[in-house]
């Protein structure tokens, strides 16, 4: 058994009958990650987009702890803007 993470390679091997899919793993970055903030939970992508919209440098490949730290470092004005964007 081999593990192949590229979907196109898996499909190619299946089409050529070189192998068959045994298990489908959802890559960690594609799972919906819920992050707690302001006593609510938000999907990681929504939090990243909200931080970007108020001028904070954030990316989808940042760790959860890093994104939460960026949110906690905001001043009162930026925190209010973030809450407004997130409808909190």
PDB file of N, CA and C in Angstrom:
ATOM      1  N   UNK A   1       0.854  -1.165   0.000  1.00  0.00           N
ATOM      2  CA  UNK A   1       0.000   0.000   0.000  1.00  0.00           C
ATOM      3  C   UNK A   1       0.901   1.230   0.000  1.00  0.00           C
ATOM      4  N   UNK A   2       0.545   2.211  -0.825  1.00  0.00           N
ATOM      5  CA  UNK A   2       1.270   3.477  -0.856  1.00  0.00           C
ATOM      6  C   UNK A   2       0.293   4.612  -0.601  1.00  0.00           C
ATOM      7  N   UNK A   3       0.825   5.698  -0.091  1.00  0.00           N
ATOM      8  CA  UNK A   3      -0.005   6.867   0.166  1.00  0.00           C
ATOM      9  C   UNK A   3       0.313   7.924  -0.879  1.00  0.00           C
ATOM     10  N   UNK A   4      -0.725   8.361  -1.582  1.00  0.00           N
ATOM     11  CA  UNK A   4      -0.564   9.385  -2.609  1.00  0.00           C
ATOM     12  C   UNK A   4      -1.498  10.533  -2.256  1.00  0.00           C
ATOM     13  N   UNK A   5      -0.933  11.723  -2.141  1.00  0.00           N
ATOM     14  CA  UNK A   5      -1.753  12.854  -1.714  1.00  0.00           C
ATOM     15  C   UNK A   5      -2.327  13.668  -2.870  1.00  0.00           C
ATOM     16  N   UNK A   6      -1.772  13.529  -4.054  1.00  0.00           N
ATOM     17  CA  UNK A   6      -2.272  14.288  -5.202  1.00  0.00           C
ATOM     18  C   UNK A   6      -3.431  13.541  -5.855  1.00  0.00           C
ATOM     19  N   UNK A   7      -4.577  14.180  -5.871  1.00  0.00           N
ATOM     20  CA  UNK A   7      -5.788  13.563  -6.416  1.00  0.00           C
ATOM     21  C   UNK A   7      -5.609  13.164  -7.874  1.00  0.00           C
ATOM     22  N   UNK A   8      -4.916  13.986  -8.660  1.00  0.00           N
ATOM     23  CA  UNK A   8      -4.731  13.683 -10.082  1.00  0.00           C
ATOM     24  C   UNK A   8      -3.921  12.395 -10.278  1.00  0.00           C
ATOM     25  N   UNK A   9      -2.931  12.176  -9.435  1.00  0.00           N
ATOM     26  CA  UNK A   9      -2.130  10.950  -9.542  1.00  0.00           C
ATOM     27  C   UNK A   9      -2.959   9.727  -9.161  1.00  0.00           C
ATOM     28  N   UNK A  10      -3.802   9.884  -8.143  1.00  0.00           N
ATOM     29  CA  UNK A  10      -4.666   8.777  -7.717  1.00  0.00           C
ATOM     30  C   UNK A  10      -5.611   8.404  -8.853  1.00  0.00           C
ATOM     31  N   UNK A  11      -6.243   9.410  -9.461  1.00  0.00           N
ATOM     32  CA  UNK A  11      -7.174   9.149 -10.562  1.00  0.00           C
ATOM     33  C   UNK A  11      -6.466   8.497 -11.741  1.00  0.00           C
ATOM     34  N   UNK A  12      -5.247   8.951 -12.048  1.00  0.00           N
ATOM     35  CA  UNK A  12      -4.476   8.370 -13.144  1.00  0.00           C
ATOM     36  C   UNK A  12      -4.191   6.892 -12.879  1.00  0.00           C
ATOM     37  N   UNK A  13      -3.777   6.565 -11.666  1.00  0.00           N
ATOM     38  CA  UNK A  13      -3.483   5.157 -11.338  1.00  0.00           C
ATOM     39  C   UNK A  13      -4.745   4.308 -11.384  1.00  0.00           C
ATOM     40  N   UNK A  14      -5.870   4.873 -10.927  1.00  0.00           N
ATOM     41  CA  UNK A  14      -7.132   4.136 -10.985  1.00  0.00           C
ATOM     42  C   UNK A  14      -7.553   3.904 -12.432  1.00  0.00           C
ATOM     43  N   UNK A  15      -7.445   4.932 -13.272  1.00  0.00           N
ATOM     44  CA  UNK A  15      -7.829   4.815 -14.682  1.00  0.00           C
ATOM     45  C   UNK A  15      -6.977   3.795 -15.418  1.00  0.00           C
ATOM     46  N   UNK A  16      -5.711   3.729 -15.088  1.00  0.00           N
ATOM     47  CA  UNK A  16      -4.804   2.781 -15.738  1.00  0.00           C
ATOM     48  C   UNK A  16      -4.817   1.415 -15.051  1.00  0.00           C
ATOM     49  N   UNK A  17      -5.663   1.278 -14.046  1.00  0.00           N
ATOM     50  CA  UNK A  17      -5.833   0.034 -13.284  1.00  0.00           C
ATOM     51  C   UNK A  17      -4.522  -0.458 -12.669  1.00  0.00           C
ATOM     52  N   UNK A  18      -3.744   0.511 -12.210  1.00  0.00           N
ATOM     53  CA  UNK A  18      -2.497   0.187 -11.524  1.00  0.00           C
ATOM     54  C   UNK A  18      -2.713   0.062 -10.019  1.00  0.00           C
ATOM     55  N   UNK A  19      -3.875   0.491  -9.572  1.00  0.00           N
ATOM     56  CA  UNK A  19      -4.183   0.414  -8.152  1.00  0.00           C
ATOM     57  C   UNK A  19      -5.608   0.843  -7.916  1.00  0.00           C
ATOM     58  N   UNK A  20      -6.032   0.690  -6.683  1.00  0.00           N
ATOM     59  CA  UNK A  20      -7.373   1.126  -6.322  1.00  0.00           C
ATOM     60  C   UNK A  20      -7.310   1.886  -5.011  1.00  0.00           C
ATOM     61  N   UNK A  21      -8.254   2.759  -4.848  1.00  0.00           N
ATOM     62  CA  UNK A  21      -8.322   3.593  -3.652  1.00  0.00           C
ATOM     63  C   UNK A  21      -8.836   2.753  -2.488  1.00  0.00           C
ATOM     64  N   UNK A  22      -8.099   2.787  -1.399  1.00  0.00           N
ATOM     65  CA  UNK A  22      -8.490   2.037  -0.214  1.00  0.00           C
ATOM     66  C   UNK A  22      -9.143   2.968   0.798  1.00  0.00           C
ATOM     67  N   UNK A  23      -8.580   4.127   0.968  1.00  0.00           N
ATOM     68  CA  UNK A  23      -9.074   5.073   1.957  1.00  0.00           C
ATOM     69  C   UNK A  23      -8.862   6.478   1.425  1.00  0.00           C
ATOM     70  N   UNK A  24      -9.824   7.329   1.672  1.00  0.00           N
ATOM     71  CA  UNK A  24      -9.690   8.718   1.264  1.00  0.00           C
ATOM     72  C   UNK A  24      -9.478   9.539   2.524  1.00  0.00           C
ATOM     73  N   UNK A  25      -8.336  10.198   2.587  1.00  0.00           N
ATOM     74  CA  UNK A  25      -8.043  11.062   3.729  1.00  0.00           C
ATOM     75  C   UNK A  25      -8.282  12.502   3.306  1.00  0.00           C
ATOM     76  N   UNK A  26      -8.913  13.246   4.171  1.00  0.00           N
ATOM     77  CA  UNK A  26      -9.113  14.663   3.913  1.00  0.00           C
ATOM     78  C   UNK A  26      -7.870  15.376   4.428  1.00  0.00           C
ATOM     79  N   UNK A  27      -7.176  16.068   3.541  1.00  0.00           N
ATOM     80  CA  UNK A  27      -5.981  16.779   3.987  1.00  0.00           C
ATOM     81  C   UNK A  27      -6.316  17.748   5.112  1.00  0.00           C
ATOM     82  N   UNK A  28      -5.393  17.891   6.045  1.00  0.00           N
ATOM     83  CA  UNK A  28      -5.632  18.731   7.208  1.00  0.00           C
ATOM     84  C   UNK A  28      -6.029  20.154   6.832  1.00  0.00           C
ATOM     85  N   UNK A  29      -5.401  20.700   5.787  1.00  0.00           N
ATOM     86  CA  UNK A  29      -5.718  22.071   5.416  1.00  0.00           C
ATOM     87  C   UNK A  29      -7.105  22.204   4.796  1.00  0.00           C
ATOM     88  N   UNK A  30      -7.714  21.104   4.373  1.00  0.00           N
ATOM     89  CA  UNK A  30      -9.043  21.174   3.767  1.00  0.00           C
ATOM     90  C   UNK A  30     -10.157  20.909   4.775  1.00  0.00           C
ATOM     91  N   UNK A  31      -9.805  20.471   5.960  1.00  0.00           N
ATOM     92  CA  UNK A  31     -10.819  20.268   6.996  1.00  0.00           C
ATOM     93  C   UNK A  31     -11.285  21.625   7.494  1.00  0.00           C
ATOM     94  N   UNK A  32     -12.539  21.670   7.886  1.00  0.00           N
ATOM     95  CA  UNK A  32     -13.049  22.913   8.449  1.00  0.00           C
ATOM     96  C   UNK A  32     -12.569  23.007   9.884  1.00  0.00           C
ATOM     97  N   UNK A  33     -11.704  23.950  10.132  1.00  0.00           N
ATOM     98  CA  UNK A  33     -11.155  24.135  11.458  1.00  0.00           C
ATOM     99  C   UNK A  33     -11.917  25.258  12.137  1.00  0.00           C
ATOM    100  N   UNK A  34     -12.520  24.959  13.267  1.00  0.00           N
ATOM    101  CA  UNK A  34     -13.258  25.963  14.024  1.00  0.00           C
ATOM    102  C   UNK A  34     -12.329  26.561  15.070  1.00  0.00           C
ATOM    103  N   UNK A  35     -12.310  27.881  15.123  1.00  0.00           N
ATOM    104  CA  UNK A  35     -11.427  28.579  16.038  1.00  0.00           C
ATOM    105  C   UNK A  35     -12.249  29.423  17.000  1.00  0.00           C
ATOM    106  N   UNK A  36     -12.001  29.286  18.311  1.00  0.00           N
ATOM    107  CA  UNK A  36     -12.759  30.059  19.298  1.00  0.00           C
ATOM    108  C   UNK A  36     -12.244  31.497  19.405  1.00  0.00           C
ATOM    109  N   UNK A  37     -13.166  32.448  19.307  1.00  0.00           N
ATOM    110  CA  UNK A  37     -12.812  33.860  19.447  1.00  0.00           C
ATOM    111  C   UNK A  37     -14.066  34.625  19.833  1.00  0.00           C
ATOM    112  N   UNK A  38     -13.961  35.498  20.814  1.00  0.00           N
ATOM    113  CA  UNK A  38     -15.094  36.291  21.298  1.00  0.00           C
ATOM    114  C   UNK A  38     -16.261  35.396  21.724  1.00  0.00           C
ATOM    115  N   UNK A  39     -15.948  34.304  22.384  1.00  0.00           N
ATOM    116  CA  UNK A  39     -16.934  33.350  22.904  1.00  0.00           C
ATOM    117  C   UNK A  39     -17.801  32.717  21.811  1.00  0.00           C
ATOM    118  N   UNK A  40     -17.300  32.700  20.585  1.00  0.00           N
ATOM    119  CA  UNK A  40     -17.954  32.022  19.470  1.00  0.00           C
ATOM    120  C   UNK A  40     -16.911  31.205  18.743  1.00  0.00           C
ATOM    121  N   UNK A  41     -17.342  30.378  17.799  1.00  0.00           N
ATOM    122  CA  UNK A  41     -16.400  29.621  16.982  1.00  0.00           C
ATOM    123  C   UNK A  41     -16.549  30.044  15.529  1.00  0.00           C
ATOM    124  N   UNK A  42     -15.409  30.227  14.872  1.00  0.00           N
ATOM    125  CA  UNK A  42     -15.385  30.653  13.481  1.00  0.00           C
ATOM    126  C   UNK A  42     -14.526  29.701  12.673  1.00  0.00           C
ATOM    127  N   UNK A  43     -14.879  29.511  11.405  1.00  0.00           N
ATOM    128  CA  UNK A  43     -14.026  28.734  10.513  1.00  0.00           C
ATOM    129  C   UNK A  43     -12.742  29.523  10.305  1.00  0.00           C
ATOM    130  N   UNK A  44     -11.661  28.805  10.137  1.00  0.00           N
ATOM    131  CA  UNK A  44     -10.351  29.441   9.988  1.00  0.00           C
ATOM    132  C   UNK A  44     -10.352  30.436   8.828  1.00  0.00           C
ATOM    133  N   UNK A  45     -10.926  30.039   7.696  1.00  0.00           N
ATOM    134  CA  UNK A  45     -10.938  30.914   6.517  1.00  0.00           C
ATOM    135  C   UNK A  45     -11.677  32.218   6.802  1.00  0.00           C
ATOM    136  N   UNK A  46     -12.774  32.141   7.525  1.00  0.00           N
ATOM    137  CA  UNK A  46     -13.545  33.342   7.849  1.00  0.00           C
ATOM    138  C   UNK A  46     -12.727  34.272   8.739  1.00  0.00           C
ATOM    139  N   UNK A  47     -12.022  33.697   9.719  1.00  0.00           N
ATOM    140  CA  UNK A  47     -11.197  34.511  10.604  1.00  0.00           C
ATOM    141  C   UNK A  47     -10.043  35.161   9.835  1.00  0.00           C
ATOM    142  N   UNK A  48      -9.410  34.401   8.955  1.00  0.00           N
ATOM    143  CA  UNK A  48      -8.315  34.950   8.139  1.00  0.00           C
ATOM    144  C   UNK A  48      -8.831  36.111   7.290  1.00  0.00           C
ATOM    145  N   UNK A  49      -9.960  35.918   6.622  1.00  0.00           N
ATOM    146  CA  UNK A  49     -10.533  36.974   5.777  1.00  0.00           C
ATOM    147  C   UNK A  49     -10.905  38.209   6.599  1.00  0.00           C
ATOM    148  N   UNK A  50     -11.438  37.986   7.800  1.00  0.00           N
ATOM    149  CA  UNK A  50     -11.817  39.107   8.666  1.00  0.00           C
ATOM    150  C   UNK A  50     -10.585  39.890   9.110  1.00  0.00           C
ATOM    151  N   UNK A  51      -9.527  39.180   9.494  1.00  0.00           N
ATOM    152  CA  UNK A  51      -8.293  39.857   9.900  1.00  0.00           C
ATOM    153  C   UNK A  51      -7.706  40.656   8.740  1.00  0.00           C
ATOM    154  N   UNK A  52      -7.712  40.064   7.550  1.00  0.00           N
ATOM    155  CA  UNK A  52      -7.195  40.770   6.368  1.00  0.00           C
ATOM    156  C   UNK A  52      -8.007  42.037   6.097  1.00  0.00           C
ATOM    157  N   UNK A  53      -9.321  41.955   6.280  1.00  0.00           N
ATOM    158  CA  UNK A  53     -10.186  43.092   5.960  1.00  0.00           C
ATOM    159  C   UNK A  53      -9.939  44.299   6.863  1.00  0.00           C
ATOM    160  N   UNK A  54      -9.351  44.067   8.044  1.00  0.00           N
ATOM    161  CA  UNK A  54      -9.044  45.199   8.929  1.00  0.00           C
ATOM    162  C   UNK A  54      -7.558  45.562   8.885  1.00  0.00           C
ATOM    163  N   UNK A  55      -6.835  44.981   7.920  1.00  0.00           N
ATOM    164  CA  UNK A  55      -5.450  45.368   7.709  1.00  0.00           C
ATOM    165  C   UNK A  55      -4.402  44.540   8.422  1.00  0.00           C
ATOM    166  N   UNK A  56      -4.802  43.416   9.008  1.00  0.00           N
ATOM    167  CA  UNK A  56      -3.847  42.538   9.688  1.00  0.00           C
ATOM    168  C   UNK A  56      -3.313  41.534   8.682  1.00  0.00           C
ATOM    169  N   UNK A  57      -2.003  41.320   8.703  1.00  0.00           N
ATOM    170  CA  UNK A  57      -1.405  40.346   7.793  1.00  0.00           C
ATOM    171  C   UNK A  57      -1.716  38.947   8.315  1.00  0.00           C
ATOM    172  N   UNK A  58      -2.491  38.178   7.539  1.00  0.00           N
ATOM    173  CA  UNK A  58      -2.884  36.823   7.930  1.00  0.00           C
ATOM    174  C   UNK A  58      -2.997  35.966   6.681  1.00  0.00           C
ATOM    175  N   UNK A  59      -2.643  34.682   6.833  1.00  0.00           N
ATOM    176  CA  UNK A  59      -2.748  33.751   5.711  1.00  0.00           C
ATOM    177  C   UNK A  59      -3.394  32.462   6.185  1.00  0.00           C
ATOM    178  N   UNK A  60      -3.926  31.720   5.242  1.00  0.00           N
ATOM    179  CA  UNK A  60      -4.591  30.461   5.551  1.00  0.00           C
ATOM    180  C   UNK A  60      -3.662  29.379   6.062  1.00  0.00           C
ATOM    181  N   UNK A  61      -2.367  29.505   5.795  1.00  0.00           N
ATOM    182  CA  UNK A  61      -1.460  28.460   6.256  1.00  0.00           C
ATOM    183  C   UNK A  61      -0.847  28.764   7.622  1.00  0.00           C
ATOM    184  N   UNK A  62      -1.293  29.843   8.265  1.00  0.00           N
ATOM    185  CA  UNK A  62      -0.832  30.143   9.624  1.00  0.00           C
ATOM    186  C   UNK A  62      -1.464  29.169  10.604  1.00  0.00           C
ATOM    187  N   UNK A  63      -0.752  28.892  11.676  1.00  0.00           N
ATOM    188  CA  UNK A  63      -1.292  28.010  12.711  1.00  0.00           C
ATOM    189  C   UNK A  63      -2.407  28.729  13.465  1.00  0.00           C
ATOM    190  N   UNK A  64      -3.278  27.928  14.063  1.00  0.00           N
ATOM    191  CA  UNK A  64      -4.400  28.468  14.834  1.00  0.00           C
ATOM    192  C   UNK A  64      -3.901  29.416  15.923  1.00  0.00           C
ATOM    193  N   UNK A  65      -2.838  29.007  16.631  1.00  0.00           N
ATOM    194  CA  UNK A  65      -2.308  29.819  17.727  1.00  0.00           C
ATOM    195  C   UNK A  65      -1.836  31.186  17.223  1.00  0.00           C
ATOM    196  N   UNK A  66      -1.219  31.204  16.050  1.00  0.00           N
ATOM    197  CA  UNK A  66      -0.709  32.456  15.485  1.00  0.00           C
ATOM    198  C   UNK A  66      -1.851  33.403  15.145  1.00  0.00           C
ATOM    199  N   UNK A  67      -2.898  32.875  14.539  1.00  0.00           N
ATOM    200  CA  UNK A  67      -4.046  33.717  14.188  1.00  0.00           C
ATOM    201  C   UNK A  67      -4.733  34.270  15.434  1.00  0.00           C
ATOM    202  N   UNK A  68      -4.896  33.418  16.446  1.00  0.00           N
ATOM    203  CA  UNK A  68      -5.525  33.879  17.684  1.00  0.00           C
ATOM    204  C   UNK A  68      -4.647  34.909  18.388  1.00  0.00           C
ATOM    205  N   UNK A  69      -3.330  34.729  18.322  1.00  0.00           N
ATOM    206  CA  UNK A  69      -2.411  35.702  18.920  1.00  0.00           C
ATOM    207  C   UNK A  69      -2.530  37.046  18.209  1.00  0.00           C
ATOM    208  N   UNK A  70      -2.628  37.018  16.887  1.00  0.00           N
ATOM    209  CA  UNK A  70      -2.787  38.266  16.125  1.00  0.00           C
ATOM    210  C   UNK A  70      -4.075  38.979  16.534  1.00  0.00           C
ATOM    211  N   UNK A  71      -5.139  38.215  16.729  1.00  0.00           N
ATOM    212  CA  UNK A  71      -6.415  38.807  17.133  1.00  0.00           C
ATOM    213  C   UNK A  71      -6.326  39.380  18.547  1.00  0.00           C
ATOM    214  N   UNK A  72      -5.600  38.704  19.434  1.00  0.00           N
ATOM    215  CA  UNK A  72      -5.509  39.173  20.818  1.00  0.00           C
ATOM    216  C   UNK A  72      -4.585  40.385  20.964  1.00  0.00           C
ATOM    217  N   UNK A  73      -3.700  40.616  19.989  1.00  0.00           N
ATOM    218  CA  UNK A  73      -2.772  41.750  20.034  1.00  0.00           C
ATOM    219  C   UNK A  73      -3.400  43.050  19.532  1.00  0.00           C
ATOM    220  N   UNK A  74      -4.617  42.983  19.032  1.00  0.00           N
ATOM    221  CA  UNK A  74      -5.256  44.167  18.457  1.00  0.00           C
ATOM    222  C   UNK A  74      -5.598  45.193  19.530  1.00  0.00           C
ATOM    223  N   UNK A  75      -5.542  46.477  19.150  1.00  0.00           N
ATOM    224  CA  UNK A  75      -5.973  47.522  20.076  1.00  0.00           C
ATOM    225  C   UNK A  75      -7.505  47.558  20.099  1.00  0.00           C
ATOM    226  N   UNK A  76      -8.060  48.419  20.956  1.00  0.00           N
ATOM    227  CA  UNK A  76      -9.521  48.462  21.122  1.00  0.00           C
ATOM    228  C   UNK A  76     -10.246  48.777  19.819  1.00  0.00           C
ATOM    229  N   UNK A  77      -9.718  49.739  19.082  1.00  0.00           N
ATOM    230  CA  UNK A  77     -10.363  50.150  17.832  1.00  0.00           C
ATOM    231  C   UNK A  77     -10.368  49.010  16.813  1.00  0.00           C
ATOM    232  N   UNK A  78      -9.229  48.337  16.668  1.00  0.00           N
ATOM    233  CA  UNK A  78      -9.137  47.221  15.719  1.00  0.00           C
ATOM    234  C   UNK A  78      -9.991  46.044  16.170  1.00  0.00           C
ATOM    235  N   UNK A  79     -10.038  45.802  17.480  1.00  0.00           N
ATOM    236  CA  UNK A  79     -10.878  44.723  18.007  1.00  0.00           C
ATOM    237  C   UNK A  79     -12.343  45.004  17.705  1.00  0.00           C
ATOM    238  N   UNK A  80     -12.757  46.258  17.855  1.00  0.00           N
ATOM    239  CA  UNK A  80     -14.141  46.636  17.548  1.00  0.00           C
ATOM    240  C   UNK A  80     -14.441  46.418  16.064  1.00  0.00           C
ATOM    241  N   UNK A  81     -13.480  46.776  15.198  1.00  0.00           N
ATOM    242  CA  UNK A  81     -13.664  46.560  13.758  1.00  0.00           C
ATOM    243  C   UNK A  81     -13.782  45.072  13.447  1.00  0.00           C
ATOM    244  N   UNK A  82     -12.929  44.261  14.095  1.00  0.00           N
ATOM    245  CA  UNK A  82     -12.963  42.815  13.867  1.00  0.00           C
ATOM    246  C   UNK A  82     -14.304  42.235  14.309  1.00  0.00           C
ATOM    247  N   UNK A  83     -14.784  42.662  15.466  1.00  0.00           N
ATOM    248  CA  UNK A  83     -16.088  42.187  15.948  1.00  0.00           C
ATOM    249  C   UNK A  83     -17.198  42.576  14.974  1.00  0.00           C
ATOM    250  N   UNK A  84     -17.101  43.773  14.426  1.00  0.00           N
ATOM    251  CA  UNK A  84     -18.109  44.232  13.465  1.00  0.00           C
ATOM    252  C   UNK A  84     -18.083  43.370  12.206  1.00  0.00           C
ATOM    253  N   UNK A  85     -16.883  43.077  11.712  1.00  0.00           N
ATOM    254  CA  UNK A  85     -16.746  42.249  10.510  1.00  0.00           C
ATOM    255  C   UNK A  85     -17.290  40.845  10.760  1.00  0.00           C
ATOM    256  N   UNK A  86     -17.059  40.322  11.970  1.00  0.00           N
ATOM    257  CA  UNK A  86     -17.505  38.964  12.310  1.00  0.00           C
ATOM    258  C   UNK A  86     -18.948  38.923  12.823  1.00  0.00           C
ATOM    259  N   UNK A  87     -19.599  40.078  12.875  1.00  0.00           N
ATOM    260  CA  UNK A  87     -20.986  40.173  13.372  1.00  0.00           C
ATOM    261  C   UNK A  87     -21.121  39.661  14.797  1.00  0.00           C
ATOM    262  N   UNK A  88     -20.210  40.086  15.658  1.00  0.00           N
ATOM    263  CA  UNK A  88     -20.254  39.665  17.070  1.00  0.00           C
ATOM    264  C   UNK A  88     -20.853  40.785  17.877  1.00  0.00           C
TER     265      UNK A  88
END
